[in-house]
Amino acid sequence: MAKLQLIISDPRNGSCKKVEVEGAQAQAFVGRKIGEVLNGTVVGASGTRLMIKGGSDKDGTPMRPDAHGGVKTSILLSKGVGLRNKEKGIRMRKLIRGNTVTEDIFQLNLLTIPSE
């Protein structure tokens, strides 16, 4: 059974709130990808839409939008999510998770988008 911690941020007023969901509510996120837009009624925020911006699993491994699938993999990174560059031109092999939400995901970062 999936259990997720949702961090919902609102760029209009700079606020953010944490919501924990389980069961059927959490299953609505499984199989979705980073960048997809959902209806806000899934978490009780009617009148808004939610965009998946990223997340991490129970070990803290970040999701990366350009890595496909939902598995952990080691890829060669030069910048972006999962790597902090200390010097210019450095590339490192890092463990990251793909862009698909699976049951192994612990936290999801969501952005509110006002409905039109």
N, C-alpha and C. Protein backbone atom coordinates (compact mmCIF):
# COMPACT_ATOMS: atom_id res chain seq x y z
N MET A 1 0.85 -1.17 0.00
CA MET A 1 0.00 0.00 0.00
C MET A 1 0.90 1.24 0.00
N ALA A 2 0.59 2.16 -0.86
CA ALA A 2 1.40 3.38 -1.01
C ALA A 2 1.07 4.39 0.08
N LYS A 3 2.10 5.07 0.55
CA LYS A 3 1.95 6.14 1.52
C LYS A 3 2.88 7.25 1.07
N LEU A 4 2.34 8.45 0.89
CA LEU A 4 3.13 9.56 0.37
C LEU A 4 3.05 10.78 1.28
N GLN A 5 4.13 11.52 1.29
CA GLN A 5 4.16 12.83 1.92
C GLN A 5 4.16 13.84 0.77
N LEU A 6 3.18 14.70 0.71
CA LEU A 6 3.07 15.68 -0.37
C LEU A 6 3.46 17.05 0.17
N ILE A 7 4.40 17.69 -0.50
CA ILE A 7 4.79 19.05 -0.18
C ILE A 7 4.17 19.92 -1.27
N ILE A 8 3.12 20.67 -0.92
CA ILE A 8 2.38 21.47 -1.89
C ILE A 8 2.78 22.93 -1.71
N SER A 9 3.41 23.51 -2.72
CA SER A 9 3.84 24.90 -2.63
C SER A 9 2.98 25.77 -3.54
N ASP A 10 2.74 26.99 -3.07
CA ASP A 10 1.93 27.96 -3.79
C ASP A 10 2.80 29.17 -4.12
N PRO A 11 3.19 29.36 -5.38
CA PRO A 11 4.10 30.46 -5.72
C PRO A 11 3.46 31.84 -5.62
N ARG A 12 2.13 31.92 -5.59
CA ARG A 12 1.47 33.22 -5.52
C ARG A 12 1.72 33.92 -4.19
N ASN A 13 1.70 33.16 -3.09
CA ASN A 13 1.93 33.79 -1.79
C ASN A 13 3.16 33.23 -1.08
N GLY A 14 3.89 32.32 -1.70
CA GLY A 14 5.13 31.80 -1.14
C GLY A 14 4.94 30.81 -0.01
N SER A 15 3.74 30.27 0.14
CA SER A 15 3.50 29.33 1.23
C SER A 15 3.65 27.90 0.75
N CYS A 16 3.79 27.00 1.72
CA CYS A 16 3.84 25.59 1.39
C CYS A 16 3.28 24.80 2.56
N LYS A 17 2.65 23.68 2.24
CA LYS A 17 2.09 22.85 3.30
C LYS A 17 2.37 21.39 3.02
N LYS A 18 2.41 20.60 4.11
CA LYS A 18 2.70 19.18 4.00
C LYS A 18 1.42 18.41 4.26
N VAL A 19 1.12 17.46 3.36
CA VAL A 19 -0.07 16.62 3.47
C VAL A 19 0.38 15.17 3.32
N GLU A 20 -0.10 14.30 4.21
CA GLU A 20 0.20 12.87 4.09
C GLU A 20 -1.03 12.16 3.57
N VAL A 21 -0.84 11.31 2.55
CA VAL A 21 -1.94 10.56 1.97
C VAL A 21 -1.59 9.08 1.95
N GLU A 22 -2.62 8.25 2.03
CA GLU A 22 -2.46 6.80 1.99
C GLU A 22 -3.55 6.19 1.13
N GLY A 23 -3.35 4.95 0.79
CA GLY A 23 -4.37 4.16 0.11
C GLY A 23 -4.76 4.68 -1.25
N ALA A 24 -6.06 4.88 -1.46
CA ALA A 24 -6.59 5.27 -2.77
C ALA A 24 -6.10 6.65 -3.18
N GLN A 25 -5.95 7.57 -2.22
CA GLN A 25 -5.44 8.90 -2.55
C GLN A 25 -4.01 8.82 -3.06
N ALA A 26 -3.19 8.00 -2.44
CA ALA A 26 -1.80 7.85 -2.86
C ALA A 26 -1.70 7.12 -4.20
N GLN A 27 -2.60 6.17 -4.44
CA GLN A 27 -2.57 5.42 -5.69
C GLN A 27 -2.87 6.32 -6.89
N ALA A 28 -3.51 7.47 -6.67
CA ALA A 28 -3.80 8.40 -7.77
C ALA A 28 -2.51 8.99 -8.33
N PHE A 29 -1.43 8.98 -7.54
CA PHE A 29 -0.16 9.54 -8.00
C PHE A 29 0.75 8.49 -8.63
N VAL A 30 0.56 7.22 -8.29
CA VAL A 30 1.42 6.15 -8.80
C VAL A 30 1.25 6.01 -10.30
N GLY A 31 2.37 5.98 -11.01
CA GLY A 31 2.35 5.88 -12.47
C GLY A 31 2.45 7.22 -13.17
N ARG A 32 2.33 8.31 -12.44
CA ARG A 32 2.44 9.65 -13.02
C ARG A 32 3.91 10.01 -13.18
N LYS A 33 4.18 11.00 -14.02
CA LYS A 33 5.55 11.44 -14.27
C LYS A 33 5.74 12.89 -13.85
N ILE A 34 6.98 13.27 -13.68
CA ILE A 34 7.31 14.65 -13.35
C ILE A 34 6.84 15.54 -14.49
N GLY A 35 6.14 16.62 -14.17
CA GLY A 35 5.61 17.55 -15.16
C GLY A 35 4.14 17.35 -15.45
N GLU A 36 3.56 16.23 -15.02
CA GLU A 36 2.13 16.00 -15.24
C GLU A 36 1.30 16.88 -14.31
N VAL A 37 0.12 17.25 -14.79
CA VAL A 37 -0.79 18.10 -14.02
C VAL A 37 -1.99 17.27 -13.59
N LEU A 38 -2.32 17.34 -12.29
CA LEU A 38 -3.45 16.61 -11.73
C LEU A 38 -4.50 17.58 -11.21
N ASN A 39 -5.69 17.07 -11.02
CA ASN A 39 -6.74 17.86 -10.40
C ASN A 39 -6.49 17.93 -8.90
N GLY A 40 -6.72 19.07 -8.27
CA GLY A 40 -6.44 19.25 -6.85
C GLY A 40 -7.41 18.55 -5.93
N THR A 41 -8.52 18.04 -6.45
CA THR A 41 -9.49 17.37 -5.59
C THR A 41 -8.95 16.05 -5.04
N VAL A 42 -7.86 15.55 -5.61
CA VAL A 42 -7.25 14.32 -5.11
C VAL A 42 -6.81 14.48 -3.66
N VAL A 43 -6.33 15.68 -3.31
CA VAL A 43 -5.86 15.93 -1.94
C VAL A 43 -6.76 16.91 -1.20
N GLY A 44 -7.91 17.23 -1.74
CA GLY A 44 -8.86 18.11 -1.06
C GLY A 44 -8.67 19.58 -1.37
N ALA A 45 -7.89 19.92 -2.38
CA ALA A 45 -7.68 21.32 -2.77
C ALA A 45 -8.49 21.58 -4.04
N SER A 46 -9.80 21.70 -3.89
CA SER A 46 -10.64 21.90 -5.08
C SER A 46 -10.42 23.29 -5.65
N GLY A 47 -10.56 23.39 -6.94
CA GLY A 47 -10.38 24.67 -7.62
C GLY A 47 -8.95 24.93 -8.05
N THR A 48 -8.05 24.01 -7.79
CA THR A 48 -6.65 24.17 -8.22
C THR A 48 -6.20 22.93 -8.97
N ARG A 49 -5.11 23.09 -9.65
CA ARG A 49 -4.46 21.97 -10.30
C ARG A 49 -3.07 21.84 -9.69
N LEU A 50 -2.54 20.63 -9.66
CA LEU A 50 -1.24 20.36 -9.06
C LEU A 50 -0.29 19.79 -10.10
N MET A 51 0.90 20.36 -10.19
CA MET A 51 1.92 19.86 -11.11
C MET A 51 3.01 19.16 -10.30
N ILE A 52 3.39 17.96 -10.71
CA ILE A 52 4.45 17.21 -10.04
C ILE A 52 5.79 17.80 -10.47
N LYS A 53 6.56 18.28 -9.49
CA LYS A 53 7.85 18.91 -9.78
C LYS A 53 9.04 18.03 -9.43
N GLY A 54 8.86 17.02 -8.58
CA GLY A 54 9.96 16.15 -8.19
C GLY A 54 9.60 15.36 -6.96
N GLY A 55 10.62 14.76 -6.34
CA GLY A 55 10.38 13.97 -5.15
C GLY A 55 11.60 13.17 -4.78
N SER A 56 11.44 12.31 -3.79
CA SER A 56 12.54 11.44 -3.37
C SER A 56 11.96 10.18 -2.74
N ASP A 57 12.81 9.16 -2.61
CA ASP A 57 12.37 7.91 -2.01
C ASP A 57 12.75 7.89 -0.54
N LYS A 58 12.55 6.76 0.13
CA LYS A 58 12.79 6.66 1.57
C LYS A 58 14.26 6.84 1.94
N ASP A 59 15.16 6.60 1.00
CA ASP A 59 16.59 6.76 1.24
C ASP A 59 17.08 8.17 0.93
N GLY A 60 16.22 9.02 0.39
CA GLY A 60 16.61 10.37 0.04
C GLY A 60 17.13 10.51 -1.37
N THR A 61 17.03 9.48 -2.17
CA THR A 61 17.48 9.53 -3.56
C THR A 61 16.51 10.38 -4.36
N PRO A 62 16.98 11.46 -5.01
CA PRO A 62 16.06 12.36 -5.71
C PRO A 62 15.57 11.81 -7.04
N MET A 63 14.37 12.25 -7.42
CA MET A 63 13.84 11.94 -8.75
C MET A 63 14.42 12.96 -9.72
N ARG A 64 14.69 12.51 -10.93
CA ARG A 64 15.25 13.40 -11.94
C ARG A 64 14.38 13.33 -13.19
N PRO A 65 13.98 14.50 -13.74
CA PRO A 65 13.03 14.50 -14.86
C PRO A 65 13.57 13.91 -16.16
N ASP A 66 14.88 13.88 -16.36
CA ASP A 66 15.40 13.35 -17.63
C ASP A 66 15.81 11.89 -17.54
N ALA A 67 15.59 11.23 -16.40
CA ALA A 67 15.85 9.79 -16.27
C ALA A 67 14.52 9.06 -16.37
N HIS A 68 14.38 8.16 -17.31
CA HIS A 68 13.10 7.52 -17.59
C HIS A 68 12.86 6.32 -16.69
N GLY A 69 11.60 6.06 -16.39
CA GLY A 69 11.21 4.92 -15.57
C GLY A 69 11.12 5.29 -14.10
N GLY A 70 10.96 4.28 -13.27
CA GLY A 70 10.81 4.52 -11.85
C GLY A 70 11.85 3.82 -11.00
N VAL A 71 12.94 3.38 -11.61
CA VAL A 71 13.95 2.62 -10.88
C VAL A 71 15.14 3.49 -10.52
N LYS A 72 15.92 3.00 -9.56
CA LYS A 72 17.17 3.67 -9.21
C LYS A 72 18.22 3.30 -10.25
N THR A 73 19.02 4.27 -10.62
CA THR A 73 20.09 4.02 -11.58
C THR A 73 21.22 5.00 -11.33
N SER A 74 22.40 4.63 -11.72
CA SER A 74 23.56 5.51 -11.61
C SER A 74 23.84 6.10 -12.97
N ILE A 75 23.85 7.42 -13.06
CA ILE A 75 24.14 8.07 -14.33
C ILE A 75 25.23 9.11 -14.12
N LEU A 76 25.87 9.47 -15.21
CA LEU A 76 26.94 10.45 -15.19
C LEU A 76 26.32 11.85 -15.28
N LEU A 77 26.52 12.65 -14.23
CA LEU A 77 25.91 13.97 -14.15
C LEU A 77 26.96 15.05 -14.22
N SER A 78 26.60 16.17 -14.87
CA SER A 78 27.47 17.33 -14.87
C SER A 78 26.83 18.52 -14.17
N LYS A 79 25.49 18.51 -14.06
CA LYS A 79 24.78 19.56 -13.32
C LYS A 79 23.35 19.11 -13.12
N GLY A 80 22.61 19.85 -12.30
CA GLY A 80 21.20 19.57 -12.11
C GLY A 80 20.88 18.85 -10.83
N VAL A 81 19.69 18.27 -10.79
CA VAL A 81 19.18 17.58 -9.61
C VAL A 81 20.07 16.39 -9.27
N GLY A 82 20.48 16.30 -8.02
CA GLY A 82 21.27 15.16 -7.57
C GLY A 82 22.76 15.40 -7.54
N LEU A 83 23.23 16.59 -7.95
CA LEU A 83 24.66 16.87 -7.98
C LEU A 83 24.90 18.33 -7.62
N ARG A 84 25.82 18.53 -6.69
CA ARG A 84 26.26 19.88 -6.35
C ARG A 84 27.68 20.05 -6.88
N ASN A 85 27.83 20.88 -7.88
CA ASN A 85 29.15 21.11 -8.47
C ASN A 85 29.97 22.03 -7.58
N LYS A 86 31.20 21.62 -7.32
CA LYS A 86 32.10 22.48 -6.57
C LYS A 86 33.06 23.19 -7.52
N GLU A 87 33.33 22.56 -8.65
CA GLU A 87 34.22 23.14 -9.65
C GLU A 87 33.57 23.01 -11.03
N LYS A 88 33.96 23.87 -11.92
CA LYS A 88 33.43 23.84 -13.28
C LYS A 88 34.06 22.67 -14.04
N GLY A 89 33.23 21.96 -14.81
CA GLY A 89 33.73 20.89 -15.65
C GLY A 89 33.77 19.53 -14.99
N ILE A 90 33.36 19.40 -13.75
CA ILE A 90 33.38 18.13 -13.04
C ILE A 90 32.15 17.32 -13.42
N ARG A 91 32.36 16.03 -13.70
CA ARG A 91 31.25 15.11 -13.93
C ARG A 91 31.39 13.96 -12.94
N MET A 92 30.26 13.54 -12.38
CA MET A 92 30.29 12.46 -11.40
C MET A 92 29.16 11.48 -11.66
N ARG A 93 29.42 10.21 -11.35
CA ARG A 93 28.37 9.20 -11.44
C ARG A 93 27.62 9.19 -10.12
N LYS A 94 26.31 9.44 -10.18
CA LYS A 94 25.48 9.54 -8.99
C LYS A 94 24.26 8.64 -9.11
N LEU A 95 23.76 8.21 -7.95
CA LEU A 95 22.56 7.39 -7.89
C LEU A 95 21.34 8.30 -7.86
N ILE A 96 20.43 8.12 -8.79
CA ILE A 96 19.20 8.91 -8.86
C ILE A 96 18.04 7.97 -9.16
N ARG A 97 16.84 8.50 -9.07
CA ARG A 97 15.63 7.74 -9.37
C ARG A 97 14.97 8.35 -10.59
N GLY A 98 14.28 7.55 -11.38
CA GLY A 98 13.65 8.01 -12.61
C GLY A 98 12.49 8.96 -12.37
N ASN A 99 11.86 9.38 -13.45
CA ASN A 99 10.83 10.42 -13.39
C ASN A 99 9.42 9.90 -13.14
N THR A 100 9.24 8.61 -12.96
CA THR A 100 7.92 8.03 -12.75
C THR A 100 7.69 7.75 -11.27
N VAL A 101 6.53 8.12 -10.76
CA VAL A 101 6.18 7.89 -9.36
C VAL A 101 5.83 6.41 -9.18
N THR A 102 6.51 5.75 -8.24
CA THR A 102 6.24 4.35 -7.92
C THR A 102 5.86 4.27 -6.44
N GLU A 103 5.63 3.06 -5.96
CA GLU A 103 5.27 2.88 -4.56
C GLU A 103 6.48 3.08 -3.65
N ASP A 104 7.69 3.14 -4.20
CA ASP A 104 8.89 3.37 -3.40
C ASP A 104 9.11 4.84 -3.08
N ILE A 105 8.39 5.72 -3.75
CA ILE A 105 8.55 7.15 -3.52
C ILE A 105 7.95 7.51 -2.15
N PHE A 106 8.68 8.31 -1.40
CA PHE A 106 8.26 8.71 -0.05
C PHE A 106 7.70 10.13 -0.05
N GLN A 107 8.32 11.03 -0.81
CA GLN A 107 7.91 12.43 -0.81
C GLN A 107 7.74 12.92 -2.24
N LEU A 108 6.67 13.69 -2.47
CA LEU A 108 6.43 14.31 -3.77
C LEU A 108 6.33 15.81 -3.59
N ASN A 109 6.99 16.57 -4.46
CA ASN A 109 6.90 18.02 -4.46
C ASN A 109 5.91 18.44 -5.53
N LEU A 110 4.89 19.19 -5.12
CA LEU A 110 3.83 19.62 -6.03
C LEU A 110 3.75 21.14 -6.04
N LEU A 111 3.35 21.69 -7.19
CA LEU A 111 3.19 23.12 -7.38
C LEU A 111 1.74 23.39 -7.72
N THR A 112 1.11 24.36 -7.05
CA THR A 112 -0.28 24.68 -7.35
C THR A 112 -0.36 25.60 -8.56
N ILE A 113 -1.31 25.30 -9.42
CA ILE A 113 -1.57 26.10 -10.61
C ILE A 113 -3.05 26.49 -10.55
N PRO A 114 -3.39 27.75 -10.60
CA PRO A 114 -4.81 28.11 -10.53
C PRO A 114 -5.58 27.58 -11.73
N SER A 115 -6.80 27.10 -11.50
CA SER A 115 -7.65 26.60 -12.59
C SER A 115 -8.14 27.77 -13.43
N GLU A 116 -8.34 27.50 -14.67
CA GLU A 116 -8.82 28.55 -15.57
C GLU A 116 -10.28 28.40 -15.84
